[in-house]
Amino acid sequence: AAEAVKQTYSKGKVVKGTIGSADVWNNEVDRIKWFHKTYGTSVEEMEG
């Protein structure tokens, strides 16, 4: 369903990926890159 309506979104790309979650707000770029390499994360948040 999400892929079927991708064309309705014009403010950026819509891609499939890996969402990472934790009760941590990461601001260290090297740490963020480590998560991206280790888990393949596209983004991080605190709930999903």
All heavy atoms as atom14 arrays in JSON, in Angstrom:
{
  "sequence": "AAEAVKQTYSKGKVVKGTIGSADVWNNEVDRIKWFHKTYGTSVEEMEG",
  "atom14_mask": [
    [1, 1, 1, 1, 1, 0, 0, 0, 0, 0, 0, 0, 0, 0],
    [1, 1, 1, 1, 1, 0, 0, 0, 0, 0, 0, 0, 0, 0],
    [1, 1, 1, 1, 1, 1, 1, 1, 1, 0, 0, 0, 0, 0],
    [1, 1, 1, 1, 1, 0, 0, 0, 0, 0, 0, 0, 0, 0],
    [1, 1, 1, 1, 1, 1, 1, 0, 0, 0, 0, 0, 0, 0],
    [1, 1, 1, 1, 1, 1, 1, 1, 1, 0, 0, 0, 0, 0],
    [1, 1, 1, 1, 1, 1, 1, 1, 1, 0, 0, 0, 0, 0],
    [1, 1, 1, 1, 1, 1, 1, 0, 0, 0, 0, 0, 0, 0],
    [1, 1, 1, 1, 1, 1, 1, 1, 1, 1, 1, 1, 0, 0],
    [1, 1, 1, 1, 1, 1, 0, 0, 0, 0, 0, 0, 0, 0],
    [1, 1, 1, 1, 1, 1, 1, 1, 1, 0, 0, 0, 0, 0],
    [1, 1, 1, 1, 0, 0, 0, 0, 0, 0, 0, 0, 0, 0],
    [1, 1, 1, 1, 1, 1, 1, 1, 1, 0, 0, 0, 0, 0],
    [1, 1, 1, 1, 1, 1, 1, 0, 0, 0, 0, 0, 0, 0],
    [1, 1, 1, 1, 1, 1, 1, 0, 0, 0, 0, 0, 0, 0],
    [1, 1, 1, 1, 1, 1, 1, 1, 1, 0, 0, 0, 0, 0],
    [1, 1, 1, 1, 0, 0, 0, 0, 0, 0, 0, 0, 0, 0],
    [1, 1, 1, 1, 1, 1, 1, 0, 0, 0, 0, 0, 0, 0],
    [1, 1, 1, 1, 1, 1, 1, 1, 0, 0, 0, 0, 0, 0],
    [1, 1, 1, 1, 0, 0, 0, 0, 0, 0, 0, 0, 0, 0],
    [1, 1, 1, 1, 1, 1, 0, 0, 0, 0, 0, 0, 0, 0],
    [1, 1, 1, 1, 1, 0, 0, 0, 0, 0, 0, 0, 0, 0],
    [1, 1, 1, 1, 1, 1, 1, 1, 0, 0, 0, 0, 0, 0],
    [1, 1, 1, 1, 1, 1, 1, 0, 0, 0, 0, 0, 0, 0],
    [1, 1, 1, 1, 1, 1, 1, 1, 1, 1, 1, 1, 1, 1],
    [1, 1, 1, 1, 1, 1, 1, 1, 0, 0, 0, 0, 0, 0],
    [1, 1, 1, 1, 1, 1, 1, 1, 0, 0, 0, 0, 0, 0],
    [1, 1, 1, 1, 1, 1, 1, 1, 1, 0, 0, 0, 0, 0],
    [1, 1, 1, 1, 1, 1, 1, 0, 0, 0, 0, 0, 0, 0],
    [1, 1, 1, 1, 1, 1, 1, 1, 0, 0, 0, 0, 0, 0],
    [1, 1, 1, 1, 1, 1, 1, 1, 1, 1, 1, 0, 0, 0],
    [1, 1, 1, 1, 1, 1, 1, 1, 0, 0, 0, 0, 0, 0],
    [1, 1, 1, 1, 1, 1, 1, 1, 1, 0, 0, 0, 0, 0],
    [1, 1, 1, 1, 1, 1, 1, 1, 1, 1, 1, 1, 1, 1],
    [1, 1, 1, 1, 1, 1, 1, 1, 1, 1, 1, 0, 0, 0],
    [1, 1, 1, 1, 1, 1, 1, 1, 1, 1, 0, 0, 0, 0],
    [1, 1, 1, 1, 1, 1, 1, 1, 1, 0, 0, 0, 0, 0],
    [1, 1, 1, 1, 1, 1, 1, 0, 0, 0, 0, 0, 0, 0],
    [1, 1, 1, 1, 1, 1, 1, 1, 1, 1, 1, 1, 0, 0],
    [1, 1, 1, 1, 0, 0, 0, 0, 0, 0, 0, 0, 0, 0],
    [1, 1, 1, 1, 1, 1, 1, 0, 0, 0, 0, 0, 0, 0],
    [1, 1, 1, 1, 1, 1, 0, 0, 0, 0, 0, 0, 0, 0],
    [1, 1, 1, 1, 1, 1, 1, 0, 0, 0, 0, 0, 0, 0],
    [1, 1, 1, 1, 1, 1, 1, 1, 1, 0, 0, 0, 0, 0],
    [1, 1, 1, 1, 1, 1, 1, 1, 1, 0, 0, 0, 0, 0],
    [1, 1, 1, 1, 1, 1, 1, 1, 0, 0, 0, 0, 0, 0],
    [1, 1, 1, 1, 1, 1, 1, 1, 1, 0, 0, 0, 0, 0],
    [1, 1, 1, 1, 0, 0, 0, 0, 0, 0, 0, 0, 0, 0]
  ],
  "atom14_positions": [
    [[0.83, -1.21, 0.0], [0.0, 0.0, 0.0], [0.86, 1.25, 0.0], [0.58, 2.23, -0.71], [-0.93, -0.01, 1.22], [0.0, 0.0, 0.0], [0.0, 0.0, 0.0], [0.0, 0.0, 0.0], [0.0, 0.0, 0.0], [0.0, 0.0, 0.0], [0.0, 0.0, 0.0], [0.0, 0.0, 0.0], [0.0, 0.0, 0.0], [0.0, 0.0, 0.0]],
    [[1.93, 1.22, 0.79], [2.84, 2.38, 0.87], [3.57, 2.6, -0.46], [3.75, 3.75, -0.9], [3.84, 2.17, 1.99], [0.0, 0.0, 0.0], [0.0, 0.0, 0.0], [0.0, 0.0, 0.0], [0.0, 0.0, 0.0], [0.0, 0.0, 0.0], [0.0, 0.0, 0.0], [0.0, 0.0, 0.0], [0.0, 0.0, 0.0], [0.0, 0.0, 0.0]],
    [[3.97, 1.51, -1.1], [4.66, 1.64, -2.38], [3.71, 2.12, -3.47], [4.12, 2.84, -4.39], [5.25, 0.28, -2.77], [6.34, -0.21, -1.84], [7.69, -0.27, -2.52], [8.35, 0.8, -2.6], [8.08, -1.35, -2.96], [0.0, 0.0, 0.0], [0.0, 0.0, 0.0], [0.0, 0.0, 0.0], [0.0, 0.0, 0.0], [0.0, 0.0, 0.0]],
    [[2.45, 1.74, -3.37], [1.47, 2.09, -4.4], [1.19, 3.58, -4.47], [0.73, 4.09, -5.51], [0.17, 1.32, -4.16], [0.0, 0.0, 0.0], [0.0, 0.0, 0.0], [0.0, 0.0, 0.0], [0.0, 0.0, 0.0], [0.0, 0.0, 0.0], [0.0, 0.0, 0.0], [0.0, 0.0, 0.0], [0.0, 0.0, 0.0], [0.0, 0.0, 0.0]],
    [[1.44, 4.31, -3.36], [1.13, 5.75, -3.35], [2.4, 6.61, -3.25], [2.32, 7.78, -2.89], [0.16, 6.1, -2.2], [-1.19, 5.41, -2.42], [0.73, 5.71, -0.85], [0.0, 0.0, 0.0], [0.0, 0.0, 0.0], [0.0, 0.0, 0.0], [0.0, 0.0, 0.0], [0.0, 0.0, 0.0], [0.0, 0.0, 0.0], [0.0, 0.0, 0.0]],
    [[3.53, 6.02, -3.59], [4.79, 6.79, -3.52], [4.75, 8.05, -4.37], [5.33, 9.07, -4.02], [5.97, 5.92, -3.96], [6.42, 4.9, -2.95], [7.83, 4.39, -3.19], [8.07, 3.85, -4.57], [9.41, 3.23, -4.68], [0.0, 0.0, 0.0], [0.0, 0.0, 0.0], [0.0, 0.0, 0.0], [0.0, 0.0, 0.0], [0.0, 0.0, 0.0]],
    [[4.05, 7.96, -5.51], [4.03, 9.09, -6.44], [3.3, 10.3, -5.87], [3.43, 11.41, -6.38], [3.41, 8.67, -7.78], [1.91, 8.48, -7.77], [1.47, 7.17, -7.15], [2.28, 6.32, -6.77], [0.16, 6.98, -7.04], [0.0, 0.0, 0.0], [0.0, 0.0, 0.0], [0.0, 0.0, 0.0], [0.0, 0.0, 0.0], [0.0, 0.0, 0.0]],
    [[2.5, 10.09, -4.8], [1.77, 11.22, -4.2], [2.69, 12.09, -3.35], [2.31, 13.21, -2.99], [0.61, 10.72, -3.31], [1.14, 10.01, -2.18], [-0.32, 9.8, -4.09], [0.0, 0.0, 0.0], [0.0, 0.0, 0.0], [0.0, 0.0, 0.0], [0.0, 0.0, 0.0], [0.0, 0.0, 0.0], [0.0, 0.0, 0.0], [0.0, 0.0, 0.0]],
    [[3.87, 11.58, -3.03], [4.8, 12.32, -2.17], [5.83, 13.04, -3.03], [6.62, 12.39, -3.74], [5.48, 11.37, -1.18], [6.31, 12.08, -0.14], [5.71, 12.82, 0.87], [7.7, 12.03, -0.17], [6.46, 13.48, 1.84], [8.46, 12.68, 0.79], [7.84, 13.4, 1.79], [8.6, 14.05, 2.73], [0.0, 0.0, 0.0], [0.0, 0.0, 0.0]],
    [[5.87, 14.34, -2.94], [6.74, 15.14, -3.82], [7.85, 15.88, -3.09], [8.64, 16.6, -3.72], [5.89, 16.16, -4.59], [5.2, 17.02, -3.69], [0.0, 0.0, 0.0], [0.0, 0.0, 0.0], [0.0, 0.0, 0.0], [0.0, 0.0, 0.0], [0.0, 0.0, 0.0], [0.0, 0.0, 0.0], [0.0, 0.0, 0.0], [0.0, 0.0, 0.0]],
    [[7.96, 15.7, -1.78], [8.93, 16.48, -1.01], [10.26, 15.76, -0.81], [11.19, 16.3, -0.21], [8.33, 16.87, 0.34], [7.13, 17.79, 0.19], [6.57, 18.23, 1.52], [5.4, 19.18, 1.29], [4.78, 19.64, 2.56], [0.0, 0.0, 0.0], [0.0, 0.0, 0.0], [0.0, 0.0, 0.0], [0.0, 0.0, 0.0], [0.0, 0.0, 0.0]],
    [[10.33, 14.52, -1.28], [11.56, 13.75, -1.16], [11.36, 12.36, -1.72], [10.34, 12.06, -2.33], [0.0, 0.0, 0.0], [0.0, 0.0, 0.0], [0.0, 0.0, 0.0], [0.0, 0.0, 0.0], [0.0, 0.0, 0.0], [0.0, 0.0, 0.0], [0.0, 0.0, 0.0], [0.0, 0.0, 0.0], [0.0, 0.0, 0.0], [0.0, 0.0, 0.0]],
    [[12.35, 11.51, -1.51], [12.25, 10.12, -1.95], [11.48, 9.3, -0.93], [11.43, 9.63, 0.25], [13.66, 9.51, -2.1], [14.56, 10.22, -3.08], [15.84, 9.43, -3.32], [16.73, 9.35, -2.06], [17.33, 10.64, -1.71], [0.0, 0.0, 0.0], [0.0, 0.0, 0.0], [0.0, 0.0, 0.0], [0.0, 0.0, 0.0], [0.0, 0.0, 0.0]],
    [[10.9, 8.2, -1.4], [10.31, 7.19, -0.52], [11.04, 5.88, -0.82], [10.98, 5.38, -1.95], [8.8, 7.02, -0.76], [8.25, 5.92, 0.14], [8.06, 8.33, -0.49], [0.0, 0.0, 0.0], [0.0, 0.0, 0.0], [0.0, 0.0, 0.0], [0.0, 0.0, 0.0], [0.0, 0.0, 0.0], [0.0, 0.0, 0.0], [0.0, 0.0, 0.0]],
    [[11.74, 5.35, 0.19], [12.55, 4.15, -0.03], [12.27, 3.13, 1.06], [11.84, 3.46, 2.16], [14.06, 4.48, -0.03], [14.4, 5.49, -1.13], [14.51, 5.02, 1.33], [0.0, 0.0, 0.0], [0.0, 0.0, 0.0], [0.0, 0.0, 0.0], [0.0, 0.0, 0.0], [0.0, 0.0, 0.0], [0.0, 0.0, 0.0], [0.0, 0.0, 0.0]],
    [[12.51, 1.87, 0.75], [12.46, 0.83, 1.77], [13.81, 0.77, 2.48], [14.85, 0.97, 1.85], [12.12, -0.52, 1.14], [10.7, -0.62, 0.63], [10.32, -2.03, 0.22], [11.03, -2.48, -1.02], [10.53, -3.79, -1.53], [0.0, 0.0, 0.0], [0.0, 0.0, 0.0], [0.0, 0.0, 0.0], [0.0, 0.0, 0.0], [0.0, 0.0, 0.0]],
    [[13.79, 0.5, 3.77], [15.04, 0.45, 4.51], [14.86, -0.15, 5.89], [13.84, -0.76, 6.2], [0.0, 0.0, 0.0], [0.0, 0.0, 0.0], [0.0, 0.0, 0.0], [0.0, 0.0, 0.0], [0.0, 0.0, 0.0], [0.0, 0.0, 0.0], [0.0, 0.0, 0.0], [0.0, 0.0, 0.0], [0.0, 0.0, 0.0], [0.0, 0.0, 0.0]],
    [[15.87, 0.06, 6.73], [15.87, -0.46, 8.09], [15.77, 0.69, 9.08], [16.57, 1.62, 9.04], [17.14, -1.29, 8.38], [17.18, -2.39, 7.47], [17.15, -1.81, 9.8], [0.0, 0.0, 0.0], [0.0, 0.0, 0.0], [0.0, 0.0, 0.0], [0.0, 0.0, 0.0], [0.0, 0.0, 0.0], [0.0, 0.0, 0.0], [0.0, 0.0, 0.0]],
    [[14.77, 0.6, 9.96], [14.56, 1.62, 10.99], [15.12, 1.11, 12.3], [14.78, 0.01, 12.76], [13.06, 1.93, 11.14], [12.5, 2.51, 9.84], [12.82, 2.89, 12.3], [10.99, 2.69, 9.84], [0.0, 0.0, 0.0], [0.0, 0.0, 0.0], [0.0, 0.0, 0.0], [0.0, 0.0, 0.0], [0.0, 0.0, 0.0], [0.0, 0.0, 0.0]],
    [[16.02, 1.88, 12.91], [16.59, 1.53, 14.2], [15.93, 2.33, 15.32], [15.64, 3.51, 15.14], [0.0, 0.0, 0.0], [0.0, 0.0, 0.0], [0.0, 0.0, 0.0], [0.0, 0.0, 0.0], [0.0, 0.0, 0.0], [0.0, 0.0, 0.0], [0.0, 0.0, 0.0], [0.0, 0.0, 0.0], [0.0, 0.0, 0.0], [0.0, 0.0, 0.0]],
    [[15.72, 1.69, 16.46], [15.06, 2.35, 17.6], [15.84, 2.12, 18.88], [16.41, 1.05, 19.08], [13.65, 1.79, 17.8], [12.93, 1.74, 16.6], [0.0, 0.0, 0.0], [0.0, 0.0, 0.0], [0.0, 0.0, 0.0], [0.0, 0.0, 0.0], [0.0, 0.0, 0.0], [0.0, 0.0, 0.0], [0.0, 0.0, 0.0], [0.0, 0.0, 0.0]],
    [[15.85, 3.13, 19.75], [16.5, 3.0, 21.06], [16.16, 4.21, 21.91], [15.79, 5.26, 21.39], [18.0, 2.87, 20.92], [0.0, 0.0, 0.0], [0.0, 0.0, 0.0], [0.0, 0.0, 0.0], [0.0, 0.0, 0.0], [0.0, 0.0, 0.0], [0.0, 0.0, 0.0], [0.0, 0.0, 0.0], [0.0, 0.0, 0.0], [0.0, 0.0, 0.0]],
    [[16.28, 4.05, 23.22], [16.11, 5.18, 24.13], [17.43, 5.95, 24.23], [17.93, 6.24, 25.32], [15.69, 4.68, 25.52], [14.22, 4.3, 25.57], [13.42, 4.92, 24.86], [13.88, 3.36, 26.32], [0.0, 0.0, 0.0], [0.0, 0.0, 0.0], [0.0, 0.0, 0.0], [0.0, 0.0, 0.0], [0.0, 0.0, 0.0], [0.0, 0.0, 0.0]],
    [[18.0, 6.25, 23.07], [19.25, 7.01, 22.99], [19.13, 7.96, 21.81], [18.62, 7.59, 20.75], [20.47, 6.08, 22.77], [21.75, 6.9, 22.64], [20.6, 5.07, 23.9], [0.0, 0.0, 0.0], [0.0, 0.0, 0.0], [0.0, 0.0, 0.0], [0.0, 0.0, 0.0], [0.0, 0.0, 0.0], [0.0, 0.0, 0.0], [0.0, 0.0, 0.0]],
    [[19.6, 9.17, 21.99], [19.63, 10.16, 20.91], [21.09, 10.28, 20.47], [21.92, 10.87, 21.16], [19.1, 11.5, 21.42], [18.94, 12.55, 20.36], [19.85, 12.91, 19.4], [17.81, 13.39, 20.18], [19.37, 13.93, 18.62], [18.1, 14.25, 19.08], [16.59, 13.54, 20.83], [17.21, 15.23, 18.62], [15.71, 14.51, 20.37], [16.01, 15.33, 19.29]],
    [[21.41, 9.69, 19.34], [22.81, 9.66, 18.87], [23.15, 10.9, 18.06], [22.52, 11.18, 17.04], [23.05, 8.4, 18.03], [23.02, 7.13, 18.86], [23.87, 6.92, 19.7], [22.01, 6.3, 18.62], [0.0, 0.0, 0.0], [0.0, 0.0, 0.0], [0.0, 0.0, 0.0], [0.0, 0.0, 0.0], [0.0, 0.0, 0.0], [0.0, 0.0, 0.0]],
    [[24.17, 11.62, 18.49], [24.67, 12.79, 17.76], [26.13, 12.64, 17.33], [26.68, 13.51, 16.66], [24.54, 14.05, 18.62], [23.13, 14.62, 18.58], [22.5, 14.67, 17.53], [22.63, 15.04, 19.74], [0.0, 0.0, 0.0], [0.0, 0.0, 0.0], [0.0, 0.0, 0.0], [0.0, 0.0, 0.0], [0.0, 0.0, 0.0], [0.0, 0.0, 0.0]],
    [[26.76, 11.52, 17.71], [28.15, 11.28, 17.32], [28.16, 10.61, 15.94], [27.66, 9.49, 15.76], [28.83, 10.37, 18.34], [28.87, 10.96, 19.75], [29.22, 9.94, 20.81], [28.84, 8.76, 20.64], [29.88, 10.32, 21.79], [0.0, 0.0, 0.0], [0.0, 0.0, 0.0], [0.0, 0.0, 0.0], [0.0, 0.0, 0.0], [0.0, 0.0, 0.0]],
    [[28.71, 11.31, 14.96], [28.65, 10.83, 13.58], [29.31, 9.47, 13.43], [28.79, 8.58, 12.74], [29.28, 11.86, 12.62], [29.39, 11.28, 11.2], [28.46, 13.14, 12.6], [0.0, 0.0, 0.0], [0.0, 0.0, 0.0], [0.0, 0.0, 0.0], [0.0, 0.0, 0.0], [0.0, 0.0, 0.0], [0.0, 0.0, 0.0], [0.0, 0.0, 0.0]],
    [[30.45, 9.25, 14.09], [31.12, 7.96, 13.98], [30.26, 6.84, 14.58], [30.26, 5.71, 14.08], [32.49, 7.99, 14.66], [33.51, 8.8, 13.88], [33.28, 9.01, 12.66], [34.52, 9.23, 14.47], [0.0, 0.0, 0.0], [0.0, 0.0, 0.0], [0.0, 0.0, 0.0], [0.0, 0.0, 0.0], [0.0, 0.0, 0.0], [0.0, 0.0, 0.0]],
    [[29.57, 7.15, 15.65], [28.67, 6.18, 16.27], [27.51, 5.85, 15.32], [27.11, 4.7, 15.15], [28.14, 6.74, 17.59], [27.2, 5.82, 18.35], [27.92, 4.66, 18.94], [27.08, 3.9, 19.86], [27.32, 2.66, 20.23], [28.37, 2.02, 19.74], [26.54, 2.03, 21.07], [0.0, 0.0, 0.0], [0.0, 0.0, 0.0], [0.0, 0.0, 0.0]],
    [[26.95, 6.87, 14.71], [25.85, 6.69, 13.75], [26.32, 5.82, 12.58], [25.61, 4.9, 12.14], [25.35, 8.06, 13.24], [24.66, 8.82, 14.39], [24.39, 7.88, 12.07], [24.35, 10.27, 14.08], [0.0, 0.0, 0.0], [0.0, 0.0, 0.0], [0.0, 0.0, 0.0], [0.0, 0.0, 0.0], [0.0, 0.0, 0.0], [0.0, 0.0, 0.0]],
    [[27.52, 6.08, 12.11], [28.07, 5.28, 11.0], [28.28, 3.82, 11.43], [28.13, 2.9, 10.61], [29.38, 5.89, 10.51], [29.2, 7.18, 9.73], [30.53, 7.69, 9.2], [30.35, 8.91, 8.31], [31.64, 9.41, 7.78], [0.0, 0.0, 0.0], [0.0, 0.0, 0.0], [0.0, 0.0, 0.0], [0.0, 0.0, 0.0], [0.0, 0.0, 0.0]],
    [[28.64, 3.62, 12.69], [28.82, 2.26, 13.2], [27.49, 1.51, 13.18], [27.43, 0.34, 12.78], [29.38, 2.31, 14.61], [29.61, 0.94, 15.22], [30.7, 0.13, 15.04], [28.72, 0.22, 16.09], [30.54, -1.05, 15.74], [29.35, -1.02, 16.39], [27.48, 0.5, 16.63], [28.75, -1.97, 17.22], [26.88, -0.46, 17.46], [27.52, -1.67, 17.75]],
    [[26.4, 2.16, 13.59], [25.07, 1.54, 13.53], [24.69, 1.22, 12.08], [24.15, 0.15, 11.79], [24.01, 2.45, 14.15], [23.97, 2.42, 15.65], [24.2, 3.56, 16.41], [23.69, 1.23, 16.32], [24.15, 3.53, 17.79], [23.64, 1.18, 17.71], [23.87, 2.34, 18.45], [0.0, 0.0, 0.0], [0.0, 0.0, 0.0], [0.0, 0.0, 0.0]],
    [[24.98, 2.16, 11.21], [24.64, 1.96, 9.79], [25.38, 0.75, 9.22], [24.8, -0.05, 8.48], [25.0, 3.22, 9.0], [24.73, 3.12, 7.53], [23.48, 2.88, 7.01], [25.57, 3.22, 6.46], [23.53, 2.85, 5.69], [24.8, 3.04, 5.33], [0.0, 0.0, 0.0], [0.0, 0.0, 0.0], [0.0, 0.0, 0.0], [0.0, 0.0, 0.0]],
    [[26.63, 0.59, 9.61], [27.44, -0.53, 9.13], [27.03, -1.85, 9.8], [26.91, -2.89, 9.14], [28.93, -0.26, 9.4], [29.85, -1.39, 8.95], [31.3, -1.06, 9.27], [32.23, -2.21, 8.86], [33.65, -1.91, 9.19], [0.0, 0.0, 0.0], [0.0, 0.0, 0.0], [0.0, 0.0, 0.0], [0.0, 0.0, 0.0], [0.0, 0.0, 0.0]],
    [[26.78, -1.81, 11.1], [26.5, -3.03, 11.88], [25.09, -3.55, 11.66], [24.88, -4.77, 11.54], [26.73, -2.76, 13.38], [28.05, -2.24, 13.58], [26.56, -4.04, 14.19], [0.0, 0.0, 0.0], [0.0, 0.0, 0.0], [0.0, 0.0, 0.0], [0.0, 0.0, 0.0], [0.0, 0.0, 0.0], [0.0, 0.0, 0.0], [0.0, 0.0, 0.0]],
    [[24.12, -2.65, 11.6], [22.71, -3.04, 11.48], [22.11, -2.74, 10.11], [20.99, -3.17, 9.83], [21.87, -2.31, 12.53], [22.16, -2.68, 13.96], [23.18, -2.05, 14.68], [21.38, -3.62, 14.63], [23.42, -2.37, 16.0], [21.61, -3.95, 15.96], [22.64, -3.31, 16.64], [22.88, -3.63, 17.96], [0.0, 0.0, 0.0], [0.0, 0.0, 0.0]],
    [[22.8, -1.95, 9.3], [22.23, -1.54, 8.02], [21.13, -0.51, 8.16], [20.26, -0.37, 7.29], [0.0, 0.0, 0.0], [0.0, 0.0, 0.0], [0.0, 0.0, 0.0], [0.0, 0.0, 0.0], [0.0, 0.0, 0.0], [0.0, 0.0, 0.0], [0.0, 0.0, 0.0], [0.0, 0.0, 0.0], [0.0, 0.0, 0.0], [0.0, 0.0, 0.0]],
    [[21.17, 0.26, 9.25], [20.1, 1.22, 9.52], [20.09, 2.38, 8.54], [21.13, 2.9, 8.14], [20.23, 1.79, 10.94], [21.6, 2.15, 11.18], [19.8, 0.77, 11.98], [0.0, 0.0, 0.0], [0.0, 0.0, 0.0], [0.0, 0.0, 0.0], [0.0, 0.0, 0.0], [0.0, 0.0, 0.0], [0.0, 0.0, 0.0], [0.0, 0.0, 0.0]],
    [[18.88, 2.78, 8.17], [18.67, 3.95, 7.32], [18.43, 5.19, 8.17], [18.87, 6.29, 7.83], [17.46, 3.73, 6.41], [17.56, 2.52, 5.71], [0.0, 0.0, 0.0], [0.0, 0.0, 0.0], [0.0, 0.0, 0.0], [0.0, 0.0, 0.0], [0.0, 0.0, 0.0], [0.0, 0.0, 0.0], [0.0, 0.0, 0.0], [0.0, 0.0, 0.0]],
    [[17.7, 4.99, 9.27], [17.35, 6.09, 10.19], [17.29, 5.55, 11.62], [17.28, 4.34, 11.83], [15.98, 6.72, 9.84], [16.01, 7.44, 8.51], [14.88, 5.65, 9.85], [0.0, 0.0, 0.0], [0.0, 0.0, 0.0], [0.0, 0.0, 0.0], [0.0, 0.0, 0.0], [0.0, 0.0, 0.0], [0.0, 0.0, 0.0], [0.0, 0.0, 0.0]],
    [[17.22, 6.46, 12.56], [16.98, 6.08, 13.95], [15.88, 6.92, 14.56], [15.68, 8.08, 14.18], [18.25, 6.22, 14.79], [18.65, 7.66, 15.08], [19.71, 7.77, 16.19], [20.75, 7.1, 16.08], [19.49, 8.55, 17.13], [0.0, 0.0, 0.0], [0.0, 0.0, 0.0], [0.0, 0.0, 0.0], [0.0, 0.0, 0.0], [0.0, 0.0, 0.0]],
    [[15.15, 6.3, 15.49], [14.13, 6.99, 16.27], [14.02, 6.29, 17.62], [14.91, 5.51, 17.96], [12.79, 7.03, 15.5], [12.51, 5.81, 14.65], [11.82, 4.7, 15.38], [12.17, 4.4, 16.53], [10.91, 4.08, 14.79], [0.0, 0.0, 0.0], [0.0, 0.0, 0.0], [0.0, 0.0, 0.0], [0.0, 0.0, 0.0], [0.0, 0.0, 0.0]],
    [[12.96, 6.56, 18.37], [12.9, 6.06, 19.75], [11.68, 5.2, 20.06], [11.39, 4.98, 21.24], [12.92, 7.25, 20.72], [14.21, 8.03, 20.73], [14.09, 9.43, 21.87], [15.82, 9.66, 22.29], [0.0, 0.0, 0.0], [0.0, 0.0, 0.0], [0.0, 0.0, 0.0], [0.0, 0.0, 0.0], [0.0, 0.0, 0.0], [0.0, 0.0, 0.0]],
    [[10.98, 4.71, 19.04], [9.73, 4.02, 19.34], [9.46, 2.74, 18.52], [8.89, 1.78, 19.04], [8.53, 4.97, 19.1], [8.44, 6.14, 20.03], [9.29, 7.34, 19.59], [9.59, 7.44, 18.37], [9.64, 8.17, 20.45], [0.0, 0.0, 0.0], [0.0, 0.0, 0.0], [0.0, 0.0, 0.0], [0.0, 0.0, 0.0], [0.0, 0.0, 0.0]],
    [[9.78, 2.75, 17.26], [9.29, 1.75, 16.32], [9.51, 0.29, 16.69], [8.61, -0.54, 16.55], [0.0, 0.0, 0.0], [0.0, 0.0, 0.0], [0.0, 0.0, 0.0], [0.0, 0.0, 0.0], [0.0, 0.0, 0.0], [0.0, 0.0, 0.0], [0.0, 0.0, 0.0], [0.0, 0.0, 0.0], [0.0, 0.0, 0.0], [0.0, 0.0, 0.0]]
  ]
}
